[in-house]
Amino acid sequence: MSEEAPRPSGGAGQQGWDLPWAEPFGTGRPERAKLAEEFGAGTRRTGSLFQLLGQAAADRIGINATDLNCLNILSFSGETTAGELARATGLTTASITGVADRLEEAGFVRRERDPRDRRRVVIRLVLERALSDVAPVFLPMVRDWQQMADRYTDDELRLIVEFYGRMEQVLRTHLARLRGPAEAGATAEAGGTSVVGGTAQPGAPAEPGRNPD
């Protein structure tokens, strides 16, 4: 029988909290349990800082955090429909209409008829405004990221990129779970395998939201 991994101490554990992020790493080795604790704590701290950073950046730009998040999502493709943006964010189409109204009034986006389908309205990023008002807020951080990346080899960076891809998949799965029916959050045990949400499939990020275009 393998030695049971000790429960990590410190941090939240000192307040009597369980540390569920350590459980999947249970190999019986104290070093592994400690790494599991640090991995989970680091992930939580990073997530919290990203939220604070998003709010601070939105305040500096002069828009709200939700609108900035939508603007960030839009920047990956340059254009999208209200329905597509609603699915990406989990917001209702009515809420997305409000977001688009505010961003359009501020000059960050414009609505246009899709030349391929005149019935389809797309929300298009106004690149000039984004470059003048949004990019300077994030540029110092982007430069620091670039300097940090320079410390790693190509193989190390490939591993980091793979990690972020897997992390995105996990986040999308649980974003969909939290936005679904309350009972969908239950964990079902089947043959010793934990199935979260009942419908999420490994390797296929769940698509949040179900709003029509």
N, C-alpha and C. Protein backbone atom coordinates (compact mmCIF):
# COMPACT_ATOMS: atom_id res chain seq x y z
N MET A 1 0.86 -1.20 0.00
CA MET A 1 0.00 0.00 0.00
C MET A 1 0.88 1.23 0.00
N SER A 2 0.59 2.14 -0.89
CA SER A 2 1.42 3.34 -1.00
C SER A 2 1.13 4.29 0.14
N GLU A 3 2.16 5.04 0.50
CA GLU A 3 2.02 6.02 1.56
C GLU A 3 1.06 7.13 1.14
N GLU A 4 0.15 7.53 2.03
CA GLU A 4 -0.82 8.58 1.71
C GLU A 4 -0.12 9.92 1.69
N ALA A 5 -0.40 10.69 0.65
CA ALA A 5 0.21 12.02 0.54
C ALA A 5 -0.27 12.91 1.65
N PRO A 6 0.62 13.63 2.33
CA PRO A 6 0.19 14.54 3.40
C PRO A 6 -0.61 15.69 2.84
N ARG A 7 -1.54 16.16 3.63
CA ARG A 7 -2.32 17.31 3.21
C ARG A 7 -1.45 18.54 3.26
N PRO A 8 -1.37 19.30 2.15
CA PRO A 8 -0.52 20.49 2.13
C PRO A 8 -0.92 21.45 3.23
N SER A 9 0.08 22.12 3.80
CA SER A 9 -0.18 23.09 4.85
C SER A 9 0.08 24.48 4.33
N GLY A 10 -0.40 25.48 5.07
CA GLY A 10 -0.17 26.86 4.67
C GLY A 10 -1.28 27.38 3.80
N GLY A 11 -1.30 28.72 3.61
CA GLY A 11 -2.32 29.32 2.76
C GLY A 11 -3.70 29.05 3.29
N ALA A 12 -4.61 28.67 2.37
CA ALA A 12 -6.00 28.42 2.75
C ALA A 12 -6.09 27.27 3.72
N GLY A 13 -5.13 26.30 3.67
CA GLY A 13 -5.19 25.14 4.54
C GLY A 13 -5.12 25.53 6.00
N GLN A 14 -4.46 26.64 6.33
CA GLN A 14 -4.37 27.07 7.71
C GLN A 14 -5.73 27.51 8.24
N GLN A 15 -6.67 27.82 7.36
CA GLN A 15 -8.00 28.23 7.78
C GLN A 15 -8.96 27.04 7.78
N GLY A 16 -8.42 25.83 7.59
CA GLY A 16 -9.26 24.66 7.63
C GLY A 16 -9.92 24.34 6.31
N TRP A 17 -9.50 24.99 5.22
CA TRP A 17 -10.07 24.70 3.91
C TRP A 17 -9.43 23.45 3.34
N ASP A 18 -10.22 22.69 2.57
CA ASP A 18 -9.64 21.62 1.77
C ASP A 18 -8.92 22.22 0.57
N LEU A 19 -7.96 21.50 0.05
CA LEU A 19 -7.23 21.96 -1.13
C LEU A 19 -7.49 20.96 -2.25
N PRO A 20 -8.62 21.09 -2.95
CA PRO A 20 -9.00 20.08 -3.94
C PRO A 20 -8.03 19.98 -5.10
N TRP A 21 -7.28 21.07 -5.40
CA TRP A 21 -6.35 21.01 -6.53
C TRP A 21 -5.20 20.04 -6.27
N ALA A 22 -4.95 19.68 -5.00
CA ALA A 22 -3.86 18.76 -4.69
C ALA A 22 -4.27 17.31 -4.89
N GLU A 23 -5.56 17.03 -4.84
CA GLU A 23 -6.04 15.66 -4.85
C GLU A 23 -5.63 14.86 -6.09
N PRO A 24 -5.79 15.41 -7.32
CA PRO A 24 -5.44 14.61 -8.50
C PRO A 24 -3.96 14.28 -8.61
N PHE A 25 -3.12 14.97 -7.84
CA PHE A 25 -1.68 14.75 -7.93
C PHE A 25 -1.21 13.73 -6.91
N GLY A 26 -2.13 13.09 -6.19
CA GLY A 26 -1.78 12.25 -5.06
C GLY A 26 -0.95 11.03 -5.43
N THR A 27 0.35 11.17 -5.48
CA THR A 27 1.24 10.05 -5.80
C THR A 27 1.89 9.49 -4.55
N GLY A 28 1.61 10.10 -3.41
CA GLY A 28 2.25 9.65 -2.18
C GLY A 28 3.54 10.38 -1.88
N ARG A 29 4.01 11.23 -2.80
CA ARG A 29 5.26 11.94 -2.59
C ARG A 29 4.99 13.35 -2.08
N PRO A 30 5.57 13.71 -0.94
CA PRO A 30 5.35 15.06 -0.39
C PRO A 30 5.72 16.16 -1.39
N GLU A 31 6.80 15.94 -2.17
CA GLU A 31 7.22 16.96 -3.14
C GLU A 31 6.13 17.21 -4.18
N ARG A 32 5.48 16.11 -4.62
CA ARG A 32 4.42 16.25 -5.62
C ARG A 32 3.22 16.97 -5.04
N ALA A 33 2.87 16.65 -3.79
CA ALA A 33 1.75 17.32 -3.14
C ALA A 33 2.02 18.81 -2.98
N LYS A 34 3.27 19.16 -2.67
CA LYS A 34 3.61 20.57 -2.52
C LYS A 34 3.52 21.28 -3.86
N LEU A 35 4.00 20.63 -4.93
CA LEU A 35 3.88 21.22 -6.26
C LEU A 35 2.41 21.40 -6.65
N ALA A 36 1.58 20.42 -6.28
CA ALA A 36 0.15 20.52 -6.59
C ALA A 36 -0.47 21.72 -5.90
N GLU A 37 -0.07 21.94 -4.65
CA GLU A 37 -0.58 23.10 -3.91
C GLU A 37 -0.13 24.40 -4.58
N GLU A 38 1.14 24.47 -4.97
CA GLU A 38 1.65 25.68 -5.60
C GLU A 38 1.03 25.91 -6.97
N PHE A 39 0.77 24.83 -7.71
CA PHE A 39 0.12 24.94 -9.02
C PHE A 39 -1.27 25.53 -8.87
N GLY A 40 -2.06 24.98 -7.95
CA GLY A 40 -3.42 25.48 -7.75
C GLY A 40 -3.44 26.91 -7.24
N ALA A 41 -2.56 27.22 -6.29
CA ALA A 41 -2.52 28.57 -5.75
C ALA A 41 -2.08 29.57 -6.82
N GLY A 42 -1.10 29.18 -7.63
CA GLY A 42 -0.64 30.07 -8.70
C GLY A 42 -1.72 30.34 -9.72
N THR A 43 -2.49 29.30 -10.06
CA THR A 43 -3.59 29.47 -11.01
C THR A 43 -4.63 30.43 -10.46
N ARG A 44 -4.96 30.27 -9.18
CA ARG A 44 -5.96 31.15 -8.56
C ARG A 44 -5.48 32.58 -8.49
N ARG A 45 -4.22 32.77 -8.10
CA ARG A 45 -3.68 34.14 -8.01
C ARG A 45 -3.66 34.81 -9.39
N THR A 46 -3.23 34.05 -10.40
CA THR A 46 -3.18 34.62 -11.75
C THR A 46 -4.56 35.02 -12.23
N GLY A 47 -5.56 34.13 -11.99
CA GLY A 47 -6.93 34.45 -12.39
C GLY A 47 -7.45 35.71 -11.71
N SER A 48 -7.16 35.83 -10.42
CA SER A 48 -7.60 37.01 -9.68
C SER A 48 -6.94 38.28 -10.21
N LEU A 49 -5.65 38.20 -10.51
CA LEU A 49 -4.93 39.36 -11.03
C LEU A 49 -5.42 39.76 -12.41
N PHE A 50 -5.77 38.77 -13.25
CA PHE A 50 -6.31 39.09 -14.56
C PHE A 50 -7.63 39.84 -14.43
N GLN A 51 -8.47 39.44 -13.46
CA GLN A 51 -9.73 40.16 -13.25
C GLN A 51 -9.47 41.59 -12.81
N LEU A 52 -8.55 41.76 -11.87
CA LEU A 52 -8.23 43.11 -11.39
C LEU A 52 -7.61 43.95 -12.50
N LEU A 53 -6.75 43.33 -13.30
CA LEU A 53 -6.12 44.04 -14.40
C LEU A 53 -7.16 44.49 -15.43
N GLY A 54 -8.11 43.60 -15.73
CA GLY A 54 -9.16 43.95 -16.69
C GLY A 54 -9.98 45.14 -16.22
N GLN A 55 -10.31 45.15 -14.93
CA GLN A 55 -11.09 46.26 -14.39
C GLN A 55 -10.28 47.56 -14.42
N ALA A 56 -9.00 47.47 -14.03
CA ALA A 56 -8.16 48.67 -14.01
C ALA A 56 -7.96 49.21 -15.43
N ALA A 57 -7.76 48.31 -16.40
CA ALA A 57 -7.59 48.74 -17.79
C ALA A 57 -8.86 49.38 -18.32
N ALA A 58 -10.01 48.78 -17.99
CA ALA A 58 -11.29 49.35 -18.44
C ALA A 58 -11.48 50.75 -17.86
N ASP A 59 -11.12 50.91 -16.58
CA ASP A 59 -11.24 52.23 -15.96
C ASP A 59 -10.34 53.25 -16.67
N ARG A 60 -9.14 52.83 -17.03
CA ARG A 60 -8.20 53.74 -17.69
C ARG A 60 -8.71 54.13 -19.10
N ILE A 61 -9.30 53.16 -19.80
CA ILE A 61 -9.79 53.42 -21.15
C ILE A 61 -11.08 54.22 -21.13
N GLY A 62 -11.88 54.05 -20.06
CA GLY A 62 -13.13 54.78 -19.94
C GLY A 62 -14.35 53.99 -20.36
N ILE A 63 -14.25 52.65 -20.31
CA ILE A 63 -15.40 51.78 -20.58
C ILE A 63 -15.51 50.80 -19.43
N ASN A 64 -16.60 50.02 -19.41
CA ASN A 64 -16.72 49.07 -18.32
C ASN A 64 -16.01 47.76 -18.66
N ALA A 65 -15.80 46.92 -17.66
CA ALA A 65 -15.01 45.70 -17.83
C ALA A 65 -15.66 44.72 -18.80
N THR A 66 -16.99 44.63 -18.79
CA THR A 66 -17.67 43.73 -19.71
C THR A 66 -17.46 44.17 -21.15
N ASP A 67 -17.57 45.47 -21.40
CA ASP A 67 -17.36 45.99 -22.76
C ASP A 67 -15.92 45.75 -23.22
N LEU A 68 -14.95 45.91 -22.31
CA LEU A 68 -13.56 45.67 -22.66
C LEU A 68 -13.34 44.20 -22.99
N ASN A 69 -13.96 43.31 -22.23
CA ASN A 69 -13.83 41.88 -22.51
C ASN A 69 -14.40 41.54 -23.89
N CYS A 70 -15.55 42.12 -24.21
CA CYS A 70 -16.15 41.91 -25.53
C CYS A 70 -15.24 42.46 -26.62
N LEU A 71 -14.62 43.60 -26.35
CA LEU A 71 -13.70 44.20 -27.32
C LEU A 71 -12.49 43.30 -27.53
N ASN A 72 -12.02 42.69 -26.45
CA ASN A 72 -10.89 41.78 -26.55
C ASN A 72 -11.25 40.56 -27.39
N ILE A 73 -12.42 39.98 -27.15
CA ILE A 73 -12.88 38.83 -27.94
C ILE A 73 -13.01 39.21 -29.41
N LEU A 74 -13.55 40.38 -29.65
CA LEU A 74 -13.73 40.85 -31.03
C LEU A 74 -12.40 41.05 -31.73
N SER A 75 -11.35 41.40 -30.98
CA SER A 75 -10.06 41.69 -31.60
C SER A 75 -9.42 40.46 -32.23
N PHE A 76 -9.83 39.26 -31.83
CA PHE A 76 -9.24 38.05 -32.40
C PHE A 76 -9.68 37.82 -33.84
N SER A 77 -10.90 38.23 -34.16
CA SER A 77 -11.42 38.02 -35.51
C SER A 77 -11.61 39.31 -36.29
N GLY A 78 -11.76 40.42 -35.56
CA GLY A 78 -11.98 41.71 -36.22
C GLY A 78 -13.43 42.02 -36.47
N GLU A 79 -14.26 40.97 -36.57
CA GLU A 79 -15.70 41.18 -36.75
C GLU A 79 -16.45 39.96 -36.25
N THR A 80 -17.71 40.17 -35.89
CA THR A 80 -18.54 39.08 -35.40
C THR A 80 -19.99 39.55 -35.44
N THR A 81 -20.90 38.62 -35.29
CA THR A 81 -22.31 39.00 -35.16
C THR A 81 -22.66 39.09 -33.69
N ALA A 82 -23.80 39.69 -33.39
CA ALA A 82 -24.25 39.79 -32.01
C ALA A 82 -24.45 38.39 -31.42
N GLY A 83 -25.01 37.49 -32.22
CA GLY A 83 -25.24 36.13 -31.73
C GLY A 83 -23.96 35.40 -31.42
N GLU A 84 -22.96 35.57 -32.28
CA GLU A 84 -21.67 34.92 -32.05
C GLU A 84 -21.00 35.48 -30.80
N LEU A 85 -21.09 36.77 -30.61
CA LEU A 85 -20.50 37.39 -29.43
C LEU A 85 -21.25 36.97 -28.17
N ALA A 86 -22.55 36.81 -28.29
CA ALA A 86 -23.34 36.34 -27.15
C ALA A 86 -22.92 34.93 -26.75
N ARG A 87 -22.70 34.07 -27.73
CA ARG A 87 -22.27 32.71 -27.42
C ARG A 87 -20.88 32.70 -26.80
N ALA A 88 -19.99 33.55 -27.28
CA ALA A 88 -18.63 33.59 -26.76
C ALA A 88 -18.56 34.09 -25.33
N THR A 89 -19.48 34.99 -24.97
CA THR A 89 -19.45 35.60 -23.64
C THR A 89 -20.46 35.00 -22.67
N GLY A 90 -21.50 34.35 -23.20
CA GLY A 90 -22.57 33.85 -22.34
C GLY A 90 -23.61 34.91 -22.00
N LEU A 91 -23.46 36.11 -22.56
CA LEU A 91 -24.44 37.16 -22.33
C LEU A 91 -25.65 36.95 -23.25
N THR A 92 -26.77 37.55 -22.90
CA THR A 92 -27.94 37.49 -23.76
C THR A 92 -27.73 38.41 -24.95
N THR A 93 -28.49 38.16 -26.02
CA THR A 93 -28.37 39.03 -27.19
C THR A 93 -28.79 40.46 -26.86
N ALA A 94 -29.74 40.60 -25.92
CA ALA A 94 -30.14 41.94 -25.50
C ALA A 94 -28.98 42.67 -24.82
N SER A 95 -28.24 41.94 -23.98
CA SER A 95 -27.08 42.54 -23.31
C SER A 95 -26.00 42.90 -24.32
N ILE A 96 -25.80 42.01 -25.31
CA ILE A 96 -24.79 42.27 -26.34
C ILE A 96 -25.18 43.49 -27.17
N THR A 97 -26.48 43.67 -27.40
CA THR A 97 -26.93 44.86 -28.12
C THR A 97 -26.53 46.11 -27.36
N GLY A 98 -26.67 46.09 -26.03
CA GLY A 98 -26.25 47.22 -25.21
C GLY A 98 -24.75 47.44 -25.28
N VAL A 99 -23.99 46.34 -25.25
CA VAL A 99 -22.53 46.45 -25.36
C VAL A 99 -22.15 47.09 -26.70
N ALA A 100 -22.76 46.59 -27.79
CA ALA A 100 -22.46 47.12 -29.12
C ALA A 100 -22.85 48.59 -29.23
N ASP A 101 -23.98 48.96 -28.62
CA ASP A 101 -24.41 50.36 -28.65
C ASP A 101 -23.36 51.26 -27.99
N ARG A 102 -22.87 50.83 -26.82
CA ARG A 102 -21.91 51.65 -26.08
C ARG A 102 -20.57 51.73 -26.82
N LEU A 103 -20.11 50.58 -27.33
CA LEU A 103 -18.83 50.57 -28.04
C LEU A 103 -18.90 51.35 -29.35
N GLU A 104 -20.06 51.29 -30.00
CA GLU A 104 -20.22 52.05 -31.24
C GLU A 104 -20.26 53.55 -30.94
N GLU A 105 -20.96 53.92 -29.88
CA GLU A 105 -21.03 55.34 -29.51
C GLU A 105 -19.64 55.87 -29.14
N ALA A 106 -18.81 55.00 -28.53
CA ALA A 106 -17.46 55.41 -28.15
C ALA A 106 -16.48 55.36 -29.31
N GLY A 107 -16.92 54.80 -30.44
CA GLY A 107 -16.08 54.77 -31.62
C GLY A 107 -15.19 53.54 -31.75
N PHE A 108 -15.41 52.52 -30.91
CA PHE A 108 -14.56 51.34 -30.96
C PHE A 108 -15.04 50.31 -31.98
N VAL A 109 -16.33 50.31 -32.31
CA VAL A 109 -16.86 49.37 -33.29
C VAL A 109 -17.85 50.10 -34.20
N ARG A 110 -18.20 49.44 -35.29
CA ARG A 110 -19.29 49.94 -36.12
C ARG A 110 -20.08 48.73 -36.63
N ARG A 111 -21.35 48.94 -36.82
CA ARG A 111 -22.20 47.89 -37.36
C ARG A 111 -22.27 48.04 -38.88
N GLU A 112 -22.17 46.91 -39.58
CA GLU A 112 -22.22 46.94 -41.03
C GLU A 112 -23.02 45.74 -41.54
N ARG A 113 -23.63 45.91 -42.70
CA ARG A 113 -24.29 44.79 -43.37
C ARG A 113 -23.21 43.89 -43.98
N ASP A 114 -23.36 42.60 -43.80
CA ASP A 114 -22.44 41.65 -44.40
C ASP A 114 -22.65 41.68 -45.92
N PRO A 115 -21.61 42.01 -46.70
CA PRO A 115 -21.79 42.09 -48.16
C PRO A 115 -22.19 40.75 -48.78
N ARG A 116 -21.89 39.65 -48.08
CA ARG A 116 -22.24 38.33 -48.59
C ARG A 116 -23.67 37.94 -48.24
N ASP A 117 -24.23 38.58 -47.21
CA ASP A 117 -25.60 38.30 -46.79
C ASP A 117 -26.15 39.57 -46.17
N ARG A 118 -26.93 40.31 -46.94
CA ARG A 118 -27.39 41.62 -46.50
C ARG A 118 -28.31 41.55 -45.29
N ARG A 119 -28.84 40.37 -45.00
CA ARG A 119 -29.70 40.22 -43.82
C ARG A 119 -28.87 40.14 -42.54
N ARG A 120 -27.59 39.93 -42.70
CA ARG A 120 -26.69 39.68 -41.56
C ARG A 120 -25.94 40.96 -41.21
N VAL A 121 -26.02 41.36 -39.94
CA VAL A 121 -25.32 42.55 -39.46
C VAL A 121 -24.10 42.10 -38.66
N VAL A 122 -22.95 42.65 -38.99
CA VAL A 122 -21.73 42.30 -38.27
C VAL A 122 -21.27 43.50 -37.44
N ILE A 123 -20.64 43.18 -36.33
CA ILE A 123 -20.02 44.20 -35.48
C ILE A 123 -18.54 44.16 -35.83
N ARG A 124 -18.03 45.27 -36.33
CA ARG A 124 -16.65 45.31 -36.82
C ARG A 124 -15.80 46.22 -35.95
N LEU A 125 -14.61 45.74 -35.60
CA LEU A 125 -13.68 46.52 -34.80
C LEU A 125 -13.16 47.71 -35.59
N VAL A 126 -13.15 48.89 -34.96
CA VAL A 126 -12.52 50.06 -35.57
C VAL A 126 -11.06 50.05 -35.11
N LEU A 127 -10.20 49.53 -35.97
CA LEU A 127 -8.82 49.27 -35.58
C LEU A 127 -8.09 50.54 -35.15
N GLU A 128 -8.33 51.63 -35.85
CA GLU A 128 -7.63 52.88 -35.52
C GLU A 128 -7.92 53.31 -34.08
N ARG A 129 -9.17 53.20 -33.66
CA ARG A 129 -9.53 53.62 -32.30
C ARG A 129 -8.94 52.65 -31.27
N ALA A 130 -8.95 51.36 -31.59
CA ALA A 130 -8.38 50.38 -30.68
C ALA A 130 -6.88 50.61 -30.51
N LEU A 131 -6.20 50.92 -31.61
CA LEU A 131 -4.76 51.16 -31.55
C LEU A 131 -4.42 52.43 -30.78
N SER A 132 -5.29 53.43 -30.88
CA SER A 132 -4.99 54.70 -30.24
C SER A 132 -5.37 54.72 -28.76
N ASP A 133 -6.45 54.00 -28.38
CA ASP A 133 -6.96 54.09 -27.01
C ASP A 133 -6.74 52.85 -26.16
N VAL A 134 -6.70 51.68 -26.79
CA VAL A 134 -6.60 50.43 -26.02
C VAL A 134 -5.17 49.90 -26.01
N ALA A 135 -4.54 49.85 -27.17
CA ALA A 135 -3.20 49.27 -27.26
C ALA A 135 -2.19 49.92 -26.30
N PRO A 136 -2.16 51.26 -26.17
CA PRO A 136 -1.18 51.86 -25.27
C PRO A 136 -1.34 51.43 -23.81
N VAL A 137 -2.54 51.08 -23.41
CA VAL A 137 -2.77 50.66 -22.02
C VAL A 137 -2.09 49.32 -21.75
N PHE A 138 -2.10 48.44 -22.76
CA PHE A 138 -1.56 47.10 -22.57
C PHE A 138 -0.13 46.94 -23.08
N LEU A 139 0.36 47.89 -23.87
CA LEU A 139 1.67 47.74 -24.49
C LEU A 139 2.81 47.51 -23.49
N PRO A 140 2.89 48.25 -22.37
CA PRO A 140 3.97 47.98 -21.42
C PRO A 140 3.96 46.54 -20.89
N MET A 141 2.78 46.00 -20.64
CA MET A 141 2.69 44.63 -20.17
C MET A 141 3.08 43.64 -21.26
N VAL A 142 2.66 43.91 -22.49
CA VAL A 142 3.01 43.03 -23.62
C VAL A 142 4.53 42.99 -23.78
N ARG A 143 5.19 44.14 -23.62
CA ARG A 143 6.65 44.17 -23.73
C ARG A 143 7.29 43.35 -22.62
N ASP A 144 6.73 43.42 -21.41
CA ASP A 144 7.26 42.61 -20.32
C ASP A 144 7.06 41.13 -20.60
N TRP A 145 5.91 40.77 -21.18
CA TRP A 145 5.67 39.37 -21.56
C TRP A 145 6.70 38.91 -22.58
N GLN A 146 7.00 39.77 -23.55
CA GLN A 146 7.98 39.40 -24.58
C GLN A 146 9.36 39.18 -23.97
N GLN A 147 9.73 40.06 -23.04
CA GLN A 147 11.01 39.89 -22.37
C GLN A 147 11.04 38.60 -21.55
N MET A 148 9.93 38.27 -20.92
CA MET A 148 9.84 37.04 -20.15
C MET A 148 9.95 35.82 -21.06
N ALA A 149 9.28 35.87 -22.22
CA ALA A 149 9.31 34.75 -23.16
C ALA A 149 10.70 34.52 -23.72
N ASP A 150 11.50 35.59 -23.82
CA ASP A 150 12.86 35.47 -24.35
C ASP A 150 13.74 34.59 -23.48
N ARG A 151 13.34 34.36 -22.24
CA ARG A 151 14.14 33.54 -21.32
C ARG A 151 13.97 32.06 -21.58
N TYR A 152 12.97 31.68 -22.40
CA TYR A 152 12.67 30.27 -22.61
C TYR A 152 13.10 29.81 -24.00
N THR A 153 13.44 28.53 -24.10
CA THR A 153 13.78 27.95 -25.39
C THR A 153 12.50 27.73 -26.21
N ASP A 154 12.68 27.41 -27.50
CA ASP A 154 11.52 27.14 -28.35
C ASP A 154 10.70 25.97 -27.80
N ASP A 155 11.37 24.92 -27.37
CA ASP A 155 10.65 23.75 -26.83
C ASP A 155 9.89 24.11 -25.56
N GLU A 156 10.50 24.93 -24.72
CA GLU A 156 9.81 25.34 -23.49
C GLU A 156 8.58 26.19 -23.81
N LEU A 157 8.71 27.07 -24.80
CA LEU A 157 7.58 27.90 -25.19
C LEU A 157 6.46 27.06 -25.80
N ARG A 158 6.83 26.02 -26.56
CA ARG A 158 5.81 25.12 -27.11
C ARG A 158 5.03 24.45 -25.97
N LEU A 159 5.74 24.06 -24.93
CA LEU A 159 5.08 23.44 -23.78
C LEU A 159 4.15 24.43 -23.09
N ILE A 160 4.60 25.68 -22.95
CA ILE A 160 3.78 26.70 -22.32
C ILE A 160 2.53 26.98 -23.15
N VAL A 161 2.71 27.07 -24.47
CA VAL A 161 1.56 27.30 -25.36
C VAL A 161 0.58 26.14 -25.27
N GLU A 162 1.10 24.92 -25.22
CA GLU A 162 0.23 23.75 -25.08
C GLU A 162 -0.53 23.81 -23.76
N PHE A 163 0.16 24.22 -22.70
CA PHE A 163 -0.49 24.34 -21.39
C PHE A 163 -1.64 25.33 -21.44
N TYR A 164 -1.41 26.49 -22.06
CA TYR A 164 -2.48 27.49 -22.13
C TYR A 164 -3.64 26.99 -22.98
N GLY A 165 -3.35 26.21 -24.01
CA GLY A 165 -4.43 25.64 -24.80
C GLY A 165 -5.28 24.68 -23.98
N ARG A 166 -4.63 23.85 -23.17
CA ARG A 166 -5.37 22.92 -22.32
C ARG A 166 -6.13 23.66 -21.23
N MET A 167 -5.50 24.71 -20.69
CA MET A 167 -6.17 25.51 -19.66
C MET A 167 -7.41 26.18 -20.23
N GLU A 168 -7.31 26.70 -21.46
CA GLU A 168 -8.47 27.32 -22.10
C GLU A 168 -9.60 26.31 -22.25
N GLN A 169 -9.26 25.08 -22.61
CA GLN A 169 -10.27 24.04 -22.77
C GLN A 169 -10.98 23.77 -21.45
N VAL A 170 -10.21 23.68 -20.36
CA VAL A 170 -10.80 23.44 -19.04
C VAL A 170 -11.71 24.61 -18.65
N LEU A 171 -11.24 25.83 -18.88
CA LEU A 171 -12.03 27.00 -18.50
C LEU A 171 -13.33 27.08 -19.30
N ARG A 172 -13.27 26.78 -20.61
CA ARG A 172 -14.48 26.80 -21.42
C ARG A 172 -15.48 25.75 -20.97
N THR A 173 -14.97 24.56 -20.61
CA THR A 173 -15.85 23.50 -20.14
C THR A 173 -16.59 23.92 -18.89
N HIS A 174 -15.88 24.51 -17.94
CA HIS A 174 -16.52 24.86 -16.67
C HIS A 174 -17.29 26.17 -16.76
N LEU A 175 -16.95 27.03 -17.71
CA LEU A 175 -17.78 28.20 -17.97
C LEU A 175 -19.15 27.75 -18.45
N ALA A 176 -19.16 26.77 -19.37
CA ALA A 176 -20.44 26.25 -19.85
C ALA A 176 -21.20 25.56 -18.72
N ARG A 177 -20.49 24.83 -17.86
CA ARG A 177 -21.14 24.16 -16.74
C ARG A 177 -21.82 25.15 -15.80
N LEU A 178 -21.10 26.23 -15.46
CA LEU A 178 -21.64 27.20 -14.53
C LEU A 178 -22.80 27.99 -15.12
N ARG A 179 -22.84 28.13 -16.44
CA ARG A 179 -23.92 28.87 -17.08
C ARG A 179 -25.10 27.98 -17.44
N GLY A 180 -24.95 26.68 -17.25
CA GLY A 180 -26.02 25.75 -17.55
C GLY A 180 -26.96 25.59 -16.35
N PRO A 181 -27.90 24.64 -16.44
CA PRO A 181 -28.80 24.37 -15.32
C PRO A 181 -28.01 24.00 -14.08
N ALA A 182 -28.55 24.34 -12.92
CA ALA A 182 -27.84 24.11 -11.67
C ALA A 182 -27.49 22.65 -11.48
N GLU A 183 -28.41 21.75 -11.91
CA GLU A 183 -28.15 20.34 -11.70
C GLU A 183 -27.03 19.82 -12.58
N ALA A 184 -26.68 20.58 -13.63
CA ALA A 184 -25.61 20.14 -14.52
C ALA A 184 -24.26 20.23 -13.85
N GLY A 185 -24.18 20.96 -12.74
CA GLY A 185 -22.91 21.08 -12.04
C GLY A 185 -22.59 19.90 -11.17
N ALA A 186 -23.52 18.97 -11.02
CA ALA A 186 -23.28 17.82 -10.17
C ALA A 186 -22.22 16.93 -10.80
N THR A 187 -21.45 16.27 -9.97
CA THR A 187 -20.42 15.35 -10.45
C THR A 187 -20.96 13.93 -10.39
N ALA A 188 -20.99 13.28 -11.53
CA ALA A 188 -21.49 11.91 -11.59
C ALA A 188 -20.33 10.95 -11.62
N GLU A 189 -20.38 9.93 -10.79
CA GLU A 189 -19.34 8.92 -10.75
C GLU A 189 -19.78 7.73 -11.58
N ALA A 190 -19.00 7.40 -12.60
CA ALA A 190 -19.35 6.26 -13.45
C ALA A 190 -18.11 5.44 -13.67
N GLY A 191 -18.12 4.22 -13.07
CA GLY A 191 -16.98 3.32 -13.24
C GLY A 191 -15.68 3.91 -12.75
N GLY A 192 -15.75 4.73 -11.69
CA GLY A 192 -14.56 5.32 -11.12
C GLY A 192 -14.09 6.57 -11.84
N THR A 193 -14.80 6.97 -12.90
CA THR A 193 -14.41 8.17 -13.65
C THR A 193 -15.34 9.31 -13.30
N SER A 194 -14.77 10.46 -12.99
CA SER A 194 -15.56 11.63 -12.65
C SER A 194 -15.94 12.37 -13.92
N VAL A 195 -17.25 12.56 -14.13
CA VAL A 195 -17.74 13.28 -15.30
C VAL A 195 -18.38 14.57 -14.84
N VAL A 196 -17.73 15.70 -15.08
CA VAL A 196 -18.22 16.99 -14.62
C VAL A 196 -19.23 17.53 -15.61
N GLY A 197 -20.40 17.87 -15.12
CA GLY A 197 -21.40 18.49 -15.98
C GLY A 197 -22.17 17.49 -16.81
N GLY A 198 -21.69 16.27 -16.91
CA GLY A 198 -22.43 15.21 -17.56
C GLY A 198 -22.31 15.19 -19.07
N THR A 199 -21.92 16.32 -19.72
CA THR A 199 -21.92 16.35 -21.16
C THR A 199 -20.58 16.75 -21.77
N ALA A 200 -19.69 17.30 -20.97
CA ALA A 200 -18.42 17.78 -21.52
C ALA A 200 -17.58 16.60 -22.00
N GLN A 201 -17.01 16.71 -23.18
CA GLN A 201 -16.18 15.66 -23.75
C GLN A 201 -14.73 16.10 -23.75
N PRO A 202 -13.81 15.23 -23.31
CA PRO A 202 -12.40 15.59 -23.33
C PRO A 202 -11.95 15.93 -24.74
N GLY A 203 -11.12 16.99 -24.85
CA GLY A 203 -10.57 17.37 -26.14
C GLY A 203 -11.48 18.25 -26.96
N ALA A 204 -12.71 18.50 -26.49
CA ALA A 204 -13.63 19.34 -27.25
C ALA A 204 -14.20 20.40 -26.34
N PRO A 205 -13.69 21.64 -26.38
CA PRO A 205 -14.18 22.71 -25.51
C PRO A 205 -15.68 22.91 -25.70
N ALA A 206 -16.37 22.98 -24.57
CA ALA A 206 -17.82 23.23 -24.64
C ALA A 206 -18.05 24.67 -25.04
N GLU A 207 -19.05 24.91 -25.82
CA GLU A 207 -19.37 26.26 -26.30
C GLU A 207 -20.33 26.91 -25.33
N PRO A 208 -19.93 28.00 -24.65
CA PRO A 208 -20.81 28.65 -23.69
C PRO A 208 -21.94 29.37 -24.38
N GLY A 209 -23.11 29.32 -23.73
CA GLY A 209 -24.25 30.08 -24.23
C GLY A 209 -24.97 29.38 -25.36
N ARG A 210 -26.22 29.73 -25.57
CA ARG A 210 -27.00 29.12 -26.64
C ARG A 210 -27.85 30.16 -27.35
N ASN A 211 -27.37 31.39 -27.40
CA ASN A 211 -28.15 32.45 -28.00
C ASN A 211 -28.10 32.38 -29.52
N PRO A 212 -29.21 32.57 -30.19
CA PRO A 212 -29.21 32.53 -31.65
C PRO A 212 -28.57 33.76 -32.25
N ASP A 213 -28.14 33.67 -33.53
CA ASP A 213 -27.59 34.83 -34.24
C ASP A 213 -28.72 35.82 -34.49
